[in-house]
């Protein structure tokens, strides 16, 4: 994989969705649940070992952040990986929601 942009596809249903990166070697995904019209809960990020160390997981979260900004939505990162990425990227605070009434 080159350092350039990668193709991440959004699959979105009525109440759930996922961001997907596909390559001949496999598929990485980040799943989410929709809460009302303005919130997404990131609940799982799965990156096969073949993609580890290539930043694929980060790019999945980045895509969700970009899409949330455009749509005026808030993200609640319940997935430990996504939550860690939000802690590492304070510039994403504008789309960060709360879990259980406490700031992330």
C-alpha atoms as a PDB file:
ATOM      1  CA  UNK A   1       0.000   0.000   0.000  1.00  0.00           C
ATOM      2  CA  UNK A   2       1.313   3.437  -0.872  1.00  0.00           C
ATOM      3  CA  UNK A   3       1.346   6.428   1.478  1.00  0.00           C
ATOM      4  CA  UNK A   4      -1.365   8.200  -0.529  1.00  0.00           C
ATOM      5  CA  UNK A   5      -5.087   8.209  -0.004  1.00  0.00           C
ATOM      6  CA  UNK A   6      -6.876   4.909   0.328  1.00  0.00           C
ATOM      7  CA  UNK A   7     -10.378   4.036  -0.782  1.00  0.00           C
ATOM      8  CA  UNK A   8     -12.736   3.698   2.179  1.00  0.00           C
ATOM      9  CA  UNK A   9     -16.341   2.830   1.429  1.00  0.00           C
ATOM     10  CA  UNK A  10     -19.296   3.798   3.613  1.00  0.00           C
ATOM     11  CA  UNK A  11     -22.092   1.252   3.935  1.00  0.00           C
ATOM     12  CA  UNK A  12     -25.026   2.727   5.811  1.00  0.00           C
ATOM     13  CA  UNK A  13     -28.369   1.204   6.748  1.00  0.00           C
ATOM     14  CA  UNK A  14     -31.270   2.549   8.752  1.00  0.00           C
ATOM     15  CA  UNK A  15     -29.718   2.024  12.187  1.00  0.00           C
ATOM     16  CA  UNK A  16     -26.199   0.688  11.600  1.00  0.00           C
ATOM     17  CA  UNK A  17     -23.338   1.095   9.202  1.00  0.00           C
ATOM     18  CA  UNK A  18     -19.671   0.570   8.605  1.00  0.00           C
ATOM     19  CA  UNK A  19     -16.630   2.038   6.940  1.00  0.00           C
ATOM     20  CA  UNK A  20     -14.739  -0.553   4.911  1.00  0.00           C
ATOM     21  CA  UNK A  21     -11.291  -0.783   3.369  1.00  0.00           C
ATOM     22  CA  UNK A  22     -10.913  -3.688   0.943  1.00  0.00           C
ATOM     23  CA  UNK A  23      -7.796  -5.001  -0.701  1.00  0.00           C
ATOM     24  CA  UNK A  24      -6.861  -8.353  -2.223  1.00  0.00           C
ATOM     25  CA  UNK A  25      -5.253  -9.257   1.131  1.00  0.00           C
ATOM     26  CA  UNK A  26      -8.458  -8.755   3.126  1.00  0.00           C
ATOM     27  CA  UNK A  27     -10.962  -6.322   4.564  1.00  0.00           C
ATOM     28  CA  UNK A  28     -10.754  -3.852   7.461  1.00  0.00           C
ATOM     29  CA  UNK A  29     -13.866  -2.289   8.956  1.00  0.00           C
ATOM     30  CA  UNK A  30     -15.152   0.120  11.556  1.00  0.00           C
ATOM     31  CA  UNK A  31     -18.782  -0.380  12.542  1.00  0.00           C
ATOM     32  CA  UNK A  32     -21.177   2.136  14.038  1.00  0.00           C
ATOM     33  CA  UNK A  33     -24.704   2.473  15.334  1.00  0.00           C
ATOM     34  CA  UNK A  34     -26.857   5.511  14.584  1.00  0.00           C
ATOM     35  CA  UNK A  35     -28.463   7.208  17.583  1.00  0.00           C
ATOM     36  CA  UNK A  36     -31.149   9.558  16.332  1.00  0.00           C
ATOM     37  CA  UNK A  37     -30.333  11.832  13.438  1.00  0.00           C
ATOM     38  CA  UNK A  38     -27.238  13.462  14.891  1.00  0.00           C
ATOM     39  CA  UNK A  39     -25.090  10.852  16.691  1.00  0.00           C
ATOM     40  CA  UNK A  40     -22.995   7.843  15.780  1.00  0.00           C
ATOM     41  CA  UNK A  41     -21.574   5.319  18.206  1.00  0.00           C
ATOM     42  CA  UNK A  42     -18.389   3.720  16.903  1.00  0.00           C
ATOM     43  CA  UNK A  43     -18.613   0.242  18.385  1.00  0.00           C
ATOM     44  CA  UNK A  44     -15.913  -1.822  16.675  1.00  0.00           C
ATOM     45  CA  UNK A  45     -12.779  -1.497  14.584  1.00  0.00           C
ATOM     46  CA  UNK A  46     -11.408  -4.649  13.001  1.00  0.00           C
ATOM     47  CA  UNK A  47      -8.104  -4.579  11.153  1.00  0.00           C
ATOM     48  CA  UNK A  48      -6.601  -7.901  10.011  1.00  0.00           C
ATOM     49  CA  UNK A  49      -2.957  -8.557  10.868  1.00  0.00           C
ATOM     50  CA  UNK A  50      -1.985  -8.148   7.214  1.00  0.00           C
ATOM     51  CA  UNK A  51      -2.847  -4.412   7.479  1.00  0.00           C
ATOM     52  CA  UNK A  52      -1.408  -3.730  10.939  1.00  0.00           C
ATOM     53  CA  UNK A  53       1.110  -0.908  11.131  1.00  0.00           C
ATOM     54  CA  UNK A  54      -0.177   0.714   7.937  1.00  0.00           C
ATOM     55  CA  UNK A  55      -2.531   3.222   9.570  1.00  0.00           C
ATOM     56  CA  UNK A  56      -5.685   1.637   8.160  1.00  0.00           C
ATOM     57  CA  UNK A  57      -7.566   1.785  11.489  1.00  0.00           C
ATOM     58  CA  UNK A  58      -6.677   5.459  11.895  1.00  0.00           C
ATOM     59  CA  UNK A  59      -7.847   6.212   8.358  1.00  0.00           C
ATOM     60  CA  UNK A  60     -11.204   4.549   9.073  1.00  0.00           C
ATOM     61  CA  UNK A  61     -11.709   6.775  12.124  1.00  0.00           C
ATOM     62  CA  UNK A  62     -10.517   9.859  10.219  1.00  0.00           C
ATOM     63  CA  UNK A  63     -13.089   9.211   7.499  1.00  0.00           C
ATOM     64  CA  UNK A  64     -15.871   9.001  10.110  1.00  0.00           C
ATOM     65  CA  UNK A  65     -14.673  12.287  11.646  1.00  0.00           C
ATOM     66  CA  UNK A  66     -14.637  13.999   8.236  1.00  0.00           C
ATOM     67  CA  UNK A  67     -18.121  12.718   7.399  1.00  0.00           C
ATOM     68  CA  UNK A  68     -19.462  13.739  10.832  1.00  0.00           C
ATOM     69  CA  UNK A  69     -18.158  17.279  10.359  1.00  0.00           C
ATOM     70  CA  UNK A  70     -19.819  17.618   6.968  1.00  0.00           C
ATOM     71  CA  UNK A  71     -23.124  16.220   8.269  1.00  0.00           C
ATOM     72  CA  UNK A  72     -23.080  18.093  11.598  1.00  0.00           C
ATOM     73  CA  UNK A  73     -23.021  14.854  13.599  1.00  0.00           C
ATOM     74  CA  UNK A  74     -21.414  13.838  16.881  1.00  0.00           C
ATOM     75  CA  UNK A  75     -19.368  10.654  17.401  1.00  0.00           C
ATOM     76  CA  UNK A  76     -19.369   8.610  20.604  1.00  0.00           C
ATOM     77  CA  UNK A  77     -16.319   6.310  20.405  1.00  0.00           C
ATOM     78  CA  UNK A  78     -17.166   3.221  22.483  1.00  0.00           C
ATOM     79  CA  UNK A  79     -14.640   1.108  20.586  1.00  0.00           C
ATOM     80  CA  UNK A  80     -11.342   1.191  22.547  1.00  0.00           C
ATOM     81  CA  UNK A  81      -9.300   1.799  19.382  1.00  0.00           C
ATOM     82  CA  UNK A  82     -11.489   4.704  18.241  1.00  0.00           C
ATOM     83  CA  UNK A  83     -11.511   6.185  21.768  1.00  0.00           C
ATOM     84  CA  UNK A  84      -7.695   6.038  21.828  1.00  0.00           C
ATOM     85  CA  UNK A  85      -7.545   7.830  18.479  1.00  0.00           C
ATOM     86  CA  UNK A  86      -9.814  10.596  19.782  1.00  0.00           C
ATOM     87  CA  UNK A  87      -7.479  11.036  22.781  1.00  0.00           C
ATOM     88  CA  UNK A  88      -4.506  11.314  20.398  1.00  0.00           C
ATOM     89  CA  UNK A  89      -6.277  13.835  18.150  1.00  0.00           C
ATOM     90  CA  UNK A  90      -7.645  16.744  20.196  1.00  0.00           C
ATOM     91  CA  UNK A  91      -8.408  18.522  16.911  1.00  0.00           C
ATOM     92  CA  UNK A  92     -11.375  16.142  16.589  1.00  0.00           C
ATOM     93  CA  UNK A  93     -13.034  17.548  19.734  1.00  0.00           C
ATOM     94  CA  UNK A  94     -15.656  19.341  17.619  1.00  0.00           C
ATOM     95  CA  UNK A  95     -17.299  15.993  16.765  1.00  0.00           C
ATOM     96  CA  UNK A  96     -16.646  14.179  20.049  1.00  0.00           C
ATOM     97  CA  UNK A  97     -19.771  13.276  21.984  1.00  0.00           C
ATOM     98  CA  UNK A  98     -20.263  12.131  25.534  1.00  0.00           C
ATOM     99  CA  UNK A  99     -20.680   8.656  26.944  1.00  0.00           C
ATOM    100  CA  UNK A 100     -22.793   8.239  30.066  1.00  0.00           C
ATOM    101  CA  UNK A 101     -22.912  11.976  30.686  1.00  0.00           C
ATOM    102  CA  UNK A 102     -19.129  12.252  31.049  1.00  0.00           C
ATOM    103  CA  UNK A 103     -16.846  13.852  28.452  1.00  0.00           C
ATOM    104  CA  UNK A 104     -14.613  11.360  26.663  1.00  0.00           C
END
